Every structure is written in C-alpha cells, then in structure tokens.
Amino acid sequence: MKKLLVMLVMAWGFIPLLGATEGCHQRLTKDEFRAKQKAYIMEKAGLTAEESEVFFPLYFELQDKKQQVNDEAWKLMREGQQENVSEERYEEIMERMYDARISAAQLEKTYFDKFKEILSCKKIYRVQRAEMRFHRDLLKGMRGKGAPKKKK
C-alpha cells in the first residue's frame, strides 16, 4: 500500500514537468521552418499568392547564399577559440569576418534590386519587418511559456 501511495505522489509530482516541457526542444526541418516563415511573411506583409509564387524562390535563394557566408564566418570564429592562435591569424580572421558582413550586405542589396521587379518597395519593407518579427516570435516561443521575462 505504501509503495502504491509513493508511486501516486511521484506521478502527481511529474505532471507539471510534462506540461512545462511542452514545446521545448522542437526541431524543425529546413522545409518546415521555411513553410512557417513563408506563411508568416505572406500574412504579415500582405502578399498575394501570385506575388508569393514568384517572390519566395528568390527570397530563399538569398537566404541560402547568406547562410553560406555566415557558415564561413562561424567557422572562422571557432578557429579563433583555439589555443596558440597567432596575432597575425587573428587579424586575418577579423578581416575575413568583416568581409563576410560586407558580402552579406551586398547580397541583400543585389536581391533588393531583384525584389523590386516583383514587389513594391512598400511590400518589400513589410517583408523585412515581418521577417524580423518572425525571428523575434520564434525566439520568444523557444523561451517557453513559464520562463521568466527579462526586465528592461
């Protein structure tokens, strides 16, 4: 009888933990992430189905190119964490990091010119704003419902 009572108490103790882990450690595939991002941006930026059909392949092409640039930058950052890195190598790493930032900005500018052929500048602005909000909302969701909010 005592064992049964102890097991019931333990089970009741773990129930809140099950609810707290809901939504944590979610892993989205690249396609799932992009589908959510596309739907969010379409809604928030007010894109039509026709605009979306032409715009998003180009948008995701830009994202892929920026990811390549960022992956190279992160590789350099990890290299800088190693022991025995010379000052000259740190200088080279930093030069390449700044080049990567410039390259990403140039990519965005190039694609902005391509986006203008598809969307109005107002809609491009709304897409940019929606993209920022999407990432912010995604991070908020990762923090979880029960996590304390940061004070400003």
N, C-alpha and C. Protein backbone atom coordinates (compact mmCIF):
# COMPACT_ATOMS: atom_id res chain seq x y z
N MET A 1 0.82 -1.19 0.00
CA MET A 1 0.00 0.00 0.00
C MET A 1 0.87 1.26 0.00
N LYS A 2 1.95 1.24 0.81
CA LYS A 2 2.83 2.39 0.87
C LYS A 2 3.49 2.62 -0.48
N LYS A 3 3.88 1.54 -1.16
CA LYS A 3 4.52 1.67 -2.47
C LYS A 3 3.57 2.33 -3.46
N LEU A 4 2.32 1.92 -3.43
CA LEU A 4 1.33 2.49 -4.33
C LEU A 4 1.13 3.97 -4.05
N LEU A 5 1.06 4.32 -2.79
CA LEU A 5 0.90 5.73 -2.41
C LEU A 5 2.11 6.56 -2.84
N VAL A 6 3.31 6.04 -2.64
CA VAL A 6 4.53 6.73 -3.03
C VAL A 6 4.55 6.92 -4.55
N MET A 7 4.17 5.91 -5.28
CA MET A 7 4.16 6.00 -6.75
C MET A 7 3.14 7.02 -7.23
N LEU A 8 1.98 7.08 -6.59
CA LEU A 8 0.97 8.06 -6.96
C LEU A 8 1.47 9.48 -6.70
N VAL A 9 2.11 9.68 -5.54
CA VAL A 9 2.64 11.00 -5.21
C VAL A 9 3.72 11.40 -6.22
N MET A 10 4.57 10.48 -6.59
CA MET A 10 5.62 10.76 -7.56
C MET A 10 5.02 11.09 -8.93
N ALA A 11 3.99 10.34 -9.30
CA ALA A 11 3.35 10.59 -10.60
C ALA A 11 2.73 11.99 -10.62
N TRP A 12 2.07 12.36 -9.54
CA TRP A 12 1.49 13.70 -9.47
C TRP A 12 2.56 14.78 -9.49
N GLY A 13 3.72 14.47 -8.96
CA GLY A 13 4.83 15.42 -8.94
C GLY A 13 5.41 15.67 -10.32
N PHE A 14 5.33 14.67 -11.19
CA PHE A 14 5.90 14.82 -12.53
C PHE A 14 4.93 15.43 -13.54
N ILE A 15 3.67 15.48 -13.25
CA ILE A 15 2.68 16.02 -14.19
C ILE A 15 2.99 17.48 -14.57
N PRO A 16 3.30 18.37 -13.61
CA PRO A 16 3.64 19.74 -14.02
C PRO A 16 4.88 19.80 -14.92
N LEU A 17 5.82 18.91 -14.71
CA LEU A 17 7.02 18.90 -15.55
C LEU A 17 6.68 18.53 -16.99
N LEU A 18 5.74 17.66 -17.17
CA LEU A 18 5.35 17.28 -18.53
C LEU A 18 4.76 18.48 -19.27
N GLY A 19 3.96 19.27 -18.59
CA GLY A 19 3.40 20.46 -19.21
C GLY A 19 4.44 21.53 -19.48
N ALA A 20 5.44 21.60 -18.62
CA ALA A 20 6.48 22.62 -18.77
C ALA A 20 7.38 22.32 -19.96
N THR A 21 7.54 21.07 -20.30
CA THR A 21 8.43 20.72 -21.41
C THR A 21 7.72 20.78 -22.75
N GLU A 22 6.44 21.01 -22.74
CA GLU A 22 5.70 21.09 -24.00
C GLU A 22 6.24 22.24 -24.85
N GLY A 23 6.60 21.93 -26.07
CA GLY A 23 7.11 22.95 -26.97
C GLY A 23 8.61 23.17 -26.88
N CYS A 24 9.27 22.57 -25.91
CA CYS A 24 10.71 22.73 -25.78
C CYS A 24 11.42 21.74 -26.69
N HIS A 25 12.60 22.08 -27.07
CA HIS A 25 13.45 21.23 -27.88
C HIS A 25 12.78 20.84 -29.20
N GLN A 26 12.01 21.73 -29.73
CA GLN A 26 11.40 21.46 -31.01
C GLN A 26 12.45 21.58 -32.09
N ARG A 27 12.45 20.65 -33.00
CA ARG A 27 13.36 20.69 -34.12
C ARG A 27 12.51 20.72 -35.38
N LEU A 28 12.73 21.75 -36.16
CA LEU A 28 12.04 21.86 -37.43
C LEU A 28 13.02 21.53 -38.54
N THR A 29 12.52 20.83 -39.54
CA THR A 29 13.37 20.64 -40.71
C THR A 29 13.45 21.98 -41.44
N LYS A 30 14.38 22.08 -42.36
CA LYS A 30 14.53 23.31 -43.12
C LYS A 30 13.24 23.63 -43.88
N ASP A 31 12.61 22.60 -44.44
CA ASP A 31 11.36 22.81 -45.19
C ASP A 31 10.23 23.25 -44.27
N GLU A 32 10.14 22.67 -43.06
CA GLU A 32 9.10 23.06 -42.11
C GLU A 32 9.31 24.51 -41.67
N PHE A 33 10.57 24.85 -41.37
CA PHE A 33 10.89 26.22 -40.96
C PHE A 33 10.50 27.19 -42.06
N ARG A 34 10.87 26.88 -43.30
CA ARG A 34 10.58 27.78 -44.40
C ARG A 34 9.08 27.89 -44.67
N ALA A 35 8.36 26.80 -44.49
CA ALA A 35 6.91 26.86 -44.68
C ALA A 35 6.26 27.78 -43.65
N LYS A 36 6.70 27.68 -42.39
CA LYS A 36 6.18 28.57 -41.35
C LYS A 36 6.57 30.02 -41.63
N GLN A 37 7.82 30.22 -42.02
CA GLN A 37 8.30 31.56 -42.31
C GLN A 37 7.53 32.16 -43.48
N LYS A 38 7.32 31.38 -44.52
CA LYS A 38 6.60 31.85 -45.71
C LYS A 38 5.17 32.25 -45.34
N ALA A 39 4.48 31.39 -44.60
CA ALA A 39 3.11 31.69 -44.21
C ALA A 39 3.04 32.96 -43.36
N TYR A 40 3.96 33.09 -42.43
CA TYR A 40 4.00 34.25 -41.54
C TYR A 40 4.23 35.52 -42.36
N ILE A 41 5.24 35.49 -43.22
CA ILE A 41 5.57 36.67 -44.02
C ILE A 41 4.45 37.01 -44.98
N MET A 42 3.86 36.00 -45.59
CA MET A 42 2.73 36.26 -46.51
C MET A 42 1.62 37.01 -45.78
N GLU A 43 1.29 36.53 -44.60
CA GLU A 43 0.20 37.14 -43.84
C GLU A 43 0.56 38.56 -43.39
N LYS A 44 1.71 38.70 -42.76
CA LYS A 44 2.08 39.99 -42.18
C LYS A 44 2.41 41.04 -43.24
N ALA A 45 2.97 40.63 -44.37
CA ALA A 45 3.34 41.59 -45.42
C ALA A 45 2.21 41.78 -46.42
N GLY A 46 1.18 40.97 -46.33
CA GLY A 46 0.04 41.10 -47.24
C GLY A 46 0.36 40.70 -48.67
N LEU A 47 1.14 39.65 -48.83
CA LEU A 47 1.49 39.19 -50.18
C LEU A 47 0.37 38.33 -50.76
N THR A 48 0.13 38.49 -52.03
CA THR A 48 -0.85 37.65 -52.70
C THR A 48 -0.20 36.32 -53.05
N ALA A 49 -1.00 35.34 -53.41
CA ALA A 49 -0.47 34.04 -53.80
C ALA A 49 0.42 34.17 -55.03
N GLU A 50 0.01 35.03 -55.96
CA GLU A 50 0.79 35.22 -57.19
C GLU A 50 2.15 35.86 -56.88
N GLU A 51 2.15 36.86 -56.02
CA GLU A 51 3.41 37.50 -55.63
C GLU A 51 4.32 36.51 -54.90
N SER A 52 3.72 35.73 -54.02
CA SER A 52 4.48 34.77 -53.23
C SER A 52 5.12 33.71 -54.11
N GLU A 53 4.41 33.28 -55.11
CA GLU A 53 4.90 32.24 -56.01
C GLU A 53 6.19 32.67 -56.72
N VAL A 54 6.29 33.94 -57.04
CA VAL A 54 7.48 34.47 -57.72
C VAL A 54 8.53 34.93 -56.71
N PHE A 55 8.08 35.51 -55.62
CA PHE A 55 9.00 36.13 -54.65
C PHE A 55 9.78 35.11 -53.83
N PHE A 56 9.12 34.11 -53.26
CA PHE A 56 9.78 33.25 -52.28
C PHE A 56 10.91 32.39 -52.83
N PRO A 57 10.86 31.89 -54.05
CA PRO A 57 12.06 31.18 -54.53
C PRO A 57 13.29 32.08 -54.53
N LEU A 58 13.12 33.32 -54.90
CA LEU A 58 14.22 34.28 -54.90
C LEU A 58 14.64 34.61 -53.46
N TYR A 59 13.67 34.78 -52.60
CA TYR A 59 13.92 35.09 -51.19
C TYR A 59 14.74 33.97 -50.53
N PHE A 60 14.33 32.72 -50.77
CA PHE A 60 15.04 31.60 -50.16
C PHE A 60 16.41 31.37 -50.81
N GLU A 61 16.55 31.75 -52.06
CA GLU A 61 17.87 31.72 -52.70
C GLU A 61 18.82 32.67 -51.97
N LEU A 62 18.33 33.86 -51.66
CA LEU A 62 19.12 34.82 -50.89
C LEU A 62 19.47 34.25 -49.52
N GLN A 63 18.50 33.64 -48.85
CA GLN A 63 18.75 33.07 -47.52
C GLN A 63 19.84 32.00 -47.58
N ASP A 64 19.81 31.18 -48.63
CA ASP A 64 20.83 30.13 -48.78
C ASP A 64 22.22 30.73 -48.97
N LYS A 65 22.30 31.77 -49.78
CA LYS A 65 23.60 32.41 -50.02
C LYS A 65 24.12 33.09 -48.76
N LYS A 66 23.22 33.74 -48.02
CA LYS A 66 23.63 34.38 -46.77
C LYS A 66 24.06 33.33 -45.74
N GLN A 67 23.40 32.19 -45.75
CA GLN A 67 23.78 31.12 -44.82
C GLN A 67 25.18 30.61 -45.13
N GLN A 68 25.52 30.50 -46.40
CA GLN A 68 26.88 30.08 -46.76
C GLN A 68 27.91 31.07 -46.23
N VAL A 69 27.64 32.35 -46.40
CA VAL A 69 28.55 33.39 -45.90
C VAL A 69 28.66 33.30 -44.38
N ASN A 70 27.53 33.14 -43.71
CA ASN A 70 27.53 33.06 -42.24
C ASN A 70 28.21 31.79 -41.74
N ASP A 71 28.03 30.69 -42.45
CA ASP A 71 28.71 29.45 -42.05
C ASP A 71 30.22 29.61 -42.09
N GLU A 72 30.71 30.29 -43.11
CA GLU A 72 32.14 30.54 -43.21
C GLU A 72 32.62 31.43 -42.06
N ALA A 73 31.81 32.43 -41.71
CA ALA A 73 32.17 33.32 -40.60
C ALA A 73 32.20 32.57 -39.28
N TRP A 74 31.24 31.68 -39.05
CA TRP A 74 31.23 30.90 -37.81
C TRP A 74 32.41 29.95 -37.75
N LYS A 75 32.80 29.42 -38.89
CA LYS A 75 33.97 28.55 -38.94
C LYS A 75 35.21 29.33 -38.48
N LEU A 76 35.33 30.56 -38.95
CA LEU A 76 36.44 31.41 -38.53
C LEU A 76 36.38 31.72 -37.03
N MET A 77 35.19 31.99 -36.53
CA MET A 77 35.03 32.29 -35.10
C MET A 77 35.46 31.09 -34.26
N ARG A 78 35.10 29.89 -34.68
CA ARG A 78 35.50 28.70 -33.93
C ARG A 78 37.02 28.53 -33.96
N GLU A 79 37.62 28.85 -35.09
CA GLU A 79 39.08 28.76 -35.20
C GLU A 79 39.75 29.70 -34.19
N GLY A 80 39.17 30.87 -33.99
CA GLY A 80 39.73 31.83 -33.05
C GLY A 80 39.65 31.40 -31.61
N GLN A 81 38.84 30.40 -31.30
CA GLN A 81 38.72 29.91 -29.92
C GLN A 81 39.83 28.93 -29.56
N GLN A 82 40.55 28.47 -30.55
CA GLN A 82 41.61 27.50 -30.30
C GLN A 82 42.80 28.16 -29.60
N GLU A 83 43.58 27.33 -28.94
CA GLU A 83 44.80 27.80 -28.28
C GLU A 83 45.86 28.05 -29.35
N ASN A 84 46.83 28.87 -29.00
CA ASN A 84 48.00 29.11 -29.84
C ASN A 84 47.68 29.73 -31.20
N VAL A 85 46.68 30.59 -31.25
CA VAL A 85 46.39 31.32 -32.49
C VAL A 85 47.23 32.59 -32.46
N SER A 86 47.95 32.81 -33.53
CA SER A 86 48.85 33.97 -33.57
C SER A 86 48.07 35.27 -33.78
N GLU A 87 48.69 36.37 -33.43
CA GLU A 87 48.07 37.69 -33.63
C GLU A 87 47.80 37.93 -35.11
N GLU A 88 48.71 37.48 -35.97
CA GLU A 88 48.53 37.64 -37.41
C GLU A 88 47.30 36.87 -37.89
N ARG A 89 47.11 35.67 -37.34
CA ARG A 89 45.94 34.86 -37.73
C ARG A 89 44.65 35.52 -37.22
N TYR A 90 44.69 36.08 -36.01
CA TYR A 90 43.51 36.80 -35.50
C TYR A 90 43.17 37.97 -36.42
N GLU A 91 44.20 38.67 -36.90
CA GLU A 91 43.95 39.79 -37.81
C GLU A 91 43.30 39.29 -39.09
N GLU A 92 43.79 38.17 -39.61
CA GLU A 92 43.21 37.59 -40.83
C GLU A 92 41.76 37.15 -40.59
N ILE A 93 41.53 36.54 -39.44
CA ILE A 93 40.17 36.11 -39.09
C ILE A 93 39.24 37.32 -39.04
N MET A 94 39.66 38.39 -38.38
CA MET A 94 38.83 39.58 -38.26
C MET A 94 38.59 40.23 -39.62
N GLU A 95 39.62 40.29 -40.46
CA GLU A 95 39.44 40.85 -41.81
C GLU A 95 38.39 40.05 -42.58
N ARG A 96 38.49 38.75 -42.49
CA ARG A 96 37.54 37.90 -43.22
C ARG A 96 36.13 37.97 -42.62
N MET A 97 36.05 38.19 -41.31
CA MET A 97 34.73 38.35 -40.67
C MET A 97 34.06 39.62 -41.19
N TYR A 98 34.81 40.72 -41.25
CA TYR A 98 34.24 41.96 -41.77
C TYR A 98 33.90 41.84 -43.24
N ASP A 99 34.73 41.12 -43.99
CA ASP A 99 34.42 40.88 -45.41
C ASP A 99 33.12 40.09 -45.56
N ALA A 100 32.90 39.15 -44.65
CA ALA A 100 31.67 38.35 -44.69
C ALA A 100 30.45 39.23 -44.43
N ARG A 101 30.56 40.16 -43.48
CA ARG A 101 29.45 41.07 -43.20
C ARG A 101 29.16 41.95 -44.41
N ILE A 102 30.21 42.44 -45.04
CA ILE A 102 30.05 43.27 -46.24
C ILE A 102 29.42 42.46 -47.36
N SER A 103 29.88 41.23 -47.51
CA SER A 103 29.35 40.35 -48.55
C SER A 103 27.85 40.09 -48.34
N ALA A 104 27.45 39.86 -47.11
CA ALA A 104 26.04 39.63 -46.81
C ALA A 104 25.21 40.87 -47.13
N ALA A 105 25.74 42.03 -46.79
CA ALA A 105 25.03 43.28 -47.10
C ALA A 105 24.93 43.50 -48.61
N GLN A 106 26.00 43.19 -49.33
CA GLN A 106 25.96 43.33 -50.79
C GLN A 106 24.95 42.37 -51.42
N LEU A 107 24.88 41.15 -50.87
CA LEU A 107 23.87 40.20 -51.34
C LEU A 107 22.47 40.77 -51.15
N GLU A 108 22.21 41.32 -49.98
CA GLU A 108 20.89 41.89 -49.70
C GLU A 108 20.57 43.03 -50.66
N LYS A 109 21.55 43.86 -50.93
CA LYS A 109 21.33 44.98 -51.85
C LYS A 109 21.05 44.47 -53.27
N THR A 110 21.80 43.48 -53.71
CA THR A 110 21.59 42.89 -55.04
C THR A 110 20.19 42.29 -55.15
N TYR A 111 19.78 41.56 -54.12
CA TYR A 111 18.45 40.95 -54.16
C TYR A 111 17.34 41.97 -53.98
N PHE A 112 17.62 43.07 -53.29
CA PHE A 112 16.63 44.14 -53.19
C PHE A 112 16.28 44.63 -54.59
N ASP A 113 17.28 44.80 -55.43
CA ASP A 113 17.03 45.22 -56.81
C ASP A 113 16.18 44.19 -57.55
N LYS A 114 16.41 42.91 -57.28
CA LYS A 114 15.61 41.85 -57.91
C LYS A 114 14.19 41.83 -57.35
N PHE A 115 14.07 42.06 -56.03
CA PHE A 115 12.75 42.06 -55.40
C PHE A 115 11.88 43.19 -55.94
N LYS A 116 12.50 44.33 -56.28
CA LYS A 116 11.74 45.48 -56.80
C LYS A 116 11.06 45.15 -58.13
N GLU A 117 11.55 44.16 -58.83
CA GLU A 117 10.91 43.75 -60.08
C GLU A 117 9.65 42.94 -59.81
N ILE A 118 9.49 42.46 -58.58
CA ILE A 118 8.35 41.61 -58.22
C ILE A 118 7.36 42.34 -57.33
N LEU A 119 7.89 43.07 -56.34
CA LEU A 119 7.05 43.71 -55.32
C LEU A 119 7.31 45.21 -55.28
N SER A 120 6.34 45.93 -54.73
CA SER A 120 6.55 47.36 -54.48
C SER A 120 7.52 47.51 -53.31
N CYS A 121 8.14 48.66 -53.21
CA CYS A 121 9.06 48.92 -52.10
C CYS A 121 8.32 48.84 -50.76
N LYS A 122 7.08 49.25 -50.74
CA LYS A 122 6.29 49.17 -49.51
C LYS A 122 6.15 47.71 -49.07
N LYS A 123 5.89 46.82 -50.01
CA LYS A 123 5.74 45.40 -49.65
C LYS A 123 7.09 44.79 -49.27
N ILE A 124 8.16 45.23 -49.92
CA ILE A 124 9.49 44.74 -49.53
C ILE A 124 9.79 45.16 -48.10
N TYR A 125 9.44 46.40 -47.77
CA TYR A 125 9.61 46.89 -46.39
C TYR A 125 8.80 46.01 -45.43
N ARG A 126 7.57 45.69 -45.80
CA ARG A 126 6.72 44.85 -44.94
C ARG A 126 7.29 43.43 -44.80
N VAL A 127 7.90 42.93 -45.86
CA VAL A 127 8.54 41.62 -45.80
C VAL A 127 9.69 41.66 -44.80
N GLN A 128 10.52 42.70 -44.89
CA GLN A 128 11.66 42.83 -43.98
C GLN A 128 11.18 42.91 -42.53
N ARG A 129 10.16 43.69 -42.31
CA ARG A 129 9.60 43.84 -40.96
C ARG A 129 9.02 42.51 -40.46
N ALA A 130 8.31 41.83 -41.34
CA ALA A 130 7.72 40.54 -40.97
C ALA A 130 8.81 39.51 -40.67
N GLU A 131 9.88 39.55 -41.44
CA GLU A 131 10.99 38.62 -41.20
C GLU A 131 11.58 38.84 -39.81
N MET A 132 11.79 40.08 -39.43
CA MET A 132 12.33 40.39 -38.10
C MET A 132 11.36 39.93 -37.01
N ARG A 133 10.09 40.18 -37.22
CA ARG A 133 9.09 39.76 -36.22
C ARG A 133 9.01 38.24 -36.12
N PHE A 134 9.12 37.57 -37.26
CA PHE A 134 9.09 36.11 -37.27
C PHE A 134 10.20 35.55 -36.38
N HIS A 135 11.40 36.06 -36.55
CA HIS A 135 12.53 35.58 -35.77
C HIS A 135 12.36 35.93 -34.29
N ARG A 136 11.85 37.12 -34.01
CA ARG A 136 11.62 37.52 -32.62
C ARG A 136 10.56 36.61 -31.98
N ASP A 137 9.47 36.37 -32.69
CA ASP A 137 8.42 35.50 -32.15
C ASP A 137 8.92 34.06 -31.98
N LEU A 138 9.76 33.63 -32.89
CA LEU A 138 10.33 32.29 -32.80
C LEU A 138 11.19 32.17 -31.54
N LEU A 139 12.00 33.18 -31.27
CA LEU A 139 12.83 33.16 -30.06
C LEU A 139 11.97 33.24 -28.80
N LYS A 140 10.91 34.02 -28.84
CA LYS A 140 10.01 34.08 -27.68
C LYS A 140 9.40 32.71 -27.42
N GLY A 141 9.00 32.02 -28.48
CA GLY A 141 8.42 30.69 -28.34
C GLY A 141 9.40 29.68 -27.78
N MET A 142 10.67 29.84 -28.13
CA MET A 142 11.69 28.93 -27.62
C MET A 142 11.92 29.14 -26.13
N ARG A 143 11.71 30.38 -25.68
CA ARG A 143 11.92 30.69 -24.27
C ARG A 143 10.90 29.94 -23.41
N GLY A 144 9.76 29.68 -23.97
CA GLY A 144 8.75 28.91 -23.25
C GLY A 144 7.78 29.78 -22.50
N LYS A 145 6.66 29.18 -22.18
CA LYS A 145 5.58 29.92 -21.51
C LYS A 145 5.93 30.24 -20.06
N GLY A 146 6.61 29.33 -19.38
CA GLY A 146 6.87 29.52 -17.97
C GLY A 146 8.17 30.22 -17.66
N ALA A 147 8.95 30.52 -18.67
CA ALA A 147 10.26 31.15 -18.43
C ALA A 147 10.07 32.61 -18.03
N PRO A 148 10.89 33.07 -17.13
CA PRO A 148 10.77 34.48 -16.71
C PRO A 148 11.17 35.41 -17.84
N LYS A 149 10.49 36.52 -17.94
CA LYS A 149 10.80 37.52 -18.96
C LYS A 149 11.90 38.43 -18.44
N LYS A 150 12.74 38.87 -19.36
CA LYS A 150 13.81 39.81 -18.99
C LYS A 150 13.21 41.17 -18.72
N LYS A 151 13.75 41.83 -17.71
CA LYS A 151 13.33 43.20 -17.44
C LYS A 151 14.22 44.14 -18.21
N LYS A 152 13.66 45.22 -18.70
CA LYS A 152 14.43 46.19 -19.48
C LYS A 152 15.09 47.20 -18.59
